[in-house]
Protein backbone atom coordinates (compact mmCIF):
# COMPACT_ATOMS: atom_id res chain seq x y z
CA MET A 1 57.65 200.25 -25.36
CA ARG A 2 57.98 204.08 -26.07
CA ILE A 3 55.70 206.40 -24.05
CA HIS A 4 54.98 209.76 -25.73
CA LYS A 5 55.69 212.68 -23.33
CA PRO A 6 52.31 214.40 -23.50
CA LEU A 7 50.86 211.12 -22.39
CA LEU A 8 53.35 210.90 -19.76
CA ALA A 9 52.51 214.24 -18.31
CA LEU A 10 48.74 213.49 -18.66
CA PHE A 11 48.99 210.43 -16.65
CA ALA A 12 51.15 212.37 -13.91
CA LEU A 13 48.42 215.08 -13.88
CA GLY A 14 45.99 212.54 -13.34
CA LEU A 15 47.73 210.95 -10.49
CA ALA A 16 48.13 214.27 -9.07
CA ALA A 17 44.45 215.19 -9.25
CA GLY A 18 43.61 211.97 -7.53
CA GLN A 19 46.03 212.86 -4.69
CA VAL A 20 44.23 216.28 -4.37
CA LEU A 21 40.90 214.55 -4.42
CA ALA A 22 42.11 212.23 -1.60
CA ASN A 23 43.57 214.95 0.38
CA ASP A 24 40.51 217.13 0.08
CA CYS A 25 38.66 214.21 2.20
CA GLU A 26 41.26 214.65 5.07
CA VAL A 27 40.90 217.78 7.33
CA GLU A 28 43.06 218.74 10.23
CA ILE A 29 42.03 221.28 12.69
CA ALA A 30 43.55 222.58 16.08
CA GLY A 31 42.09 223.94 19.28
CA ASP A 32 44.30 226.04 21.61
CA ASP A 33 44.35 227.39 25.26
CA MET A 34 42.34 230.21 24.41
CA MET A 35 39.38 228.19 23.69
CA LYS A 36 39.72 228.89 19.66
CA PHE A 37 39.61 226.51 16.58
CA SER A 38 42.03 227.28 13.95
CA LYS A 39 39.20 227.08 11.61
CA THR A 40 35.77 228.55 11.78
CA GLU A 41 34.72 226.94 8.50
CA ILE A 42 35.50 223.44 6.93
CA THR A 43 34.25 222.63 3.40
CA VAL A 44 34.58 218.98 1.87
CA PRO A 45 33.62 218.07 -1.63
CA SER A 46 30.39 215.74 -1.82
CA SER A 47 32.58 213.28 -3.84
CA CYS A 48 34.05 212.41 -0.47
CA GLU A 49 32.56 208.92 0.57
CA GLU A 50 34.33 209.31 4.11
CA VAL A 51 36.23 212.38 5.91
CA LYS A 52 39.25 211.73 7.78
CA LEU A 53 39.39 214.25 10.33
CA THR A 54 42.56 215.13 13.04
CA LEU A 55 42.15 217.17 15.88
CA THR A 56 45.33 218.80 17.52
CA HIS A 57 45.33 220.58 20.91
CA SER A 58 47.97 223.12 20.10
CA GLY A 59 47.89 224.55 23.78
CA LYS A 60 49.62 223.30 26.88
CA LEU A 61 46.77 222.81 29.52
CA PRO A 62 45.85 219.27 30.46
CA VAL A 63 42.60 217.68 29.33
CA ASN A 64 40.86 218.11 32.50
CA ALA A 65 41.39 221.84 32.68
CA MET A 66 41.10 222.61 28.81
CA GLY A 67 40.33 219.76 26.82
CA HIS A 68 39.05 219.97 23.35
CA ASN A 69 37.00 217.61 20.94
CA TRP A 70 35.27 218.11 17.77
CA VAL A 71 31.51 217.16 17.47
CA LEU A 72 29.41 217.29 14.38
CA ALA A 73 25.84 217.74 14.24
CA GLU A 74 23.08 219.47 12.07
CA THR A 75 22.85 223.10 13.00
CA ALA A 76 19.10 222.68 14.11
CA ASN A 77 20.45 220.39 16.84
CA TRP A 78 24.11 221.40 17.72
CA ARG A 79 23.20 223.85 20.51
CA GLU A 80 21.01 221.45 22.47
CA ILE A 81 23.72 218.74 22.18
CA ALA A 82 26.17 221.09 23.62
CA GLN A 83 23.88 222.20 26.44
CA SER A 84 22.77 218.70 27.50
CA GLY A 85 26.20 217.36 27.45
CA GLN A 86 27.60 220.12 29.89
CA THR A 87 26.90 217.85 33.16
CA ALA A 88 28.07 214.44 31.61
CA GLY A 89 31.43 214.79 32.92
CA LEU A 90 34.71 214.21 31.58
CA GLU A 91 34.35 210.53 31.51
CA LYS A 92 31.76 210.79 28.94
CA GLU A 93 33.57 213.40 26.86
CA TYR A 94 30.90 215.86 28.06
CA LEU A 95 28.42 214.28 25.78
CA PRO A 96 24.96 213.22 26.35
CA ASP A 97 24.06 209.63 26.78
CA ASP A 98 21.82 209.84 23.72
CA LYS A 99 24.04 210.31 20.81
CA GLY A 100 21.40 210.02 17.98
CA ALA A 101 21.63 213.47 16.79
CA ILE A 102 25.65 213.40 16.73
CA ILE A 103 27.00 212.59 13.34
CA ALA A 104 30.56 211.99 14.49
CA TYR A 105 32.82 213.12 17.24
CA THR A 106 36.41 212.84 18.47
CA GLU A 107 37.87 211.84 22.14
CA LEU A 108 38.76 214.94 24.36
CA VAL A 109 42.57 215.67 23.80
CA GLY A 110 44.81 217.80 26.41
CA GLY A 111 47.67 220.17 25.57
CA GLY A 112 49.93 218.66 22.91
CA GLU A 113 47.72 215.55 21.89
CA SER A 114 45.73 214.88 18.93
CA THR A 115 43.31 212.33 17.79
CA THR A 116 41.91 211.24 14.54
CA ILE A 117 38.36 210.05 13.11
CA THR A 118 37.02 208.99 9.99
CA PHE A 119 33.34 209.48 9.49
CA ASP A 120 31.03 208.30 6.50
CA LEU A 121 29.73 211.26 4.56
CA SER A 122 27.59 209.45 2.23
CA ASP A 123 24.42 209.86 4.35
CA LEU A 124 24.75 213.33 4.75
CA ASP A 125 22.81 215.95 2.70
CA LYS A 126 24.70 218.95 1.20
CA SER A 127 21.56 220.83 1.38
CA THR A 128 21.58 220.68 5.19
CA GLU A 129 23.43 222.71 7.50
CA TYR A 130 25.91 221.24 9.82
CA THR A 131 28.10 222.81 12.78
CA TYR A 132 31.12 221.54 14.40
CA PHE A 133 32.02 222.46 18.22
CA CYS A 134 33.68 221.52 21.16
CA SER A 135 31.63 220.05 23.95
CA PHE A 136 33.92 220.81 26.81
CA PRO A 137 31.87 222.87 29.36
CA GLY A 138 31.40 226.67 28.02
CA HIS A 139 33.67 226.12 24.87
CA TRP A 140 30.94 225.37 22.68
CA VAL A 141 30.00 229.01 22.81
CA GLN A 142 33.13 230.15 20.95
CA MET A 143 34.63 227.06 19.66
CA ASN A 144 32.19 226.26 16.84
CA GLY A 145 32.16 226.63 12.92
CA LYS A 146 30.36 225.50 9.90
CA PHE A 147 30.85 222.25 8.02
CA ILE A 148 29.95 222.41 4.30
CA ILE A 149 29.47 219.65 1.85
CA GLU A 150 30.25 221.13 -1.65
């Protein structure tokens, strides 16, 4: 069977486009010992059914001293969630017992560690504003950003 080069090129381009779409649904973000995320904004396409997010702690300090997690909530709720989790303790990931307003969250990680979660995007409305943050005490004030669905 003979395949024409233009058809083969279109097929290869289609495969590459599919890989780009799949990769657009995978996000990597890092937190450091200076209490900063590597990104202040994350944008994912609305075509993603799920988002795979990997959080890496690029610092050296242990989880009990400078732990980081990634928590996603509607912008209208994120500060209340962050404040109510401050006294929850390390064993509860500094998250409130009532997690109903939390869309997704990772476990806390210390220096050199990473964690990955996958969460459903299909129930989220792209017209709603979302914020991600670190719930470790005091970190949420500067470790936060916009999560945008295009």
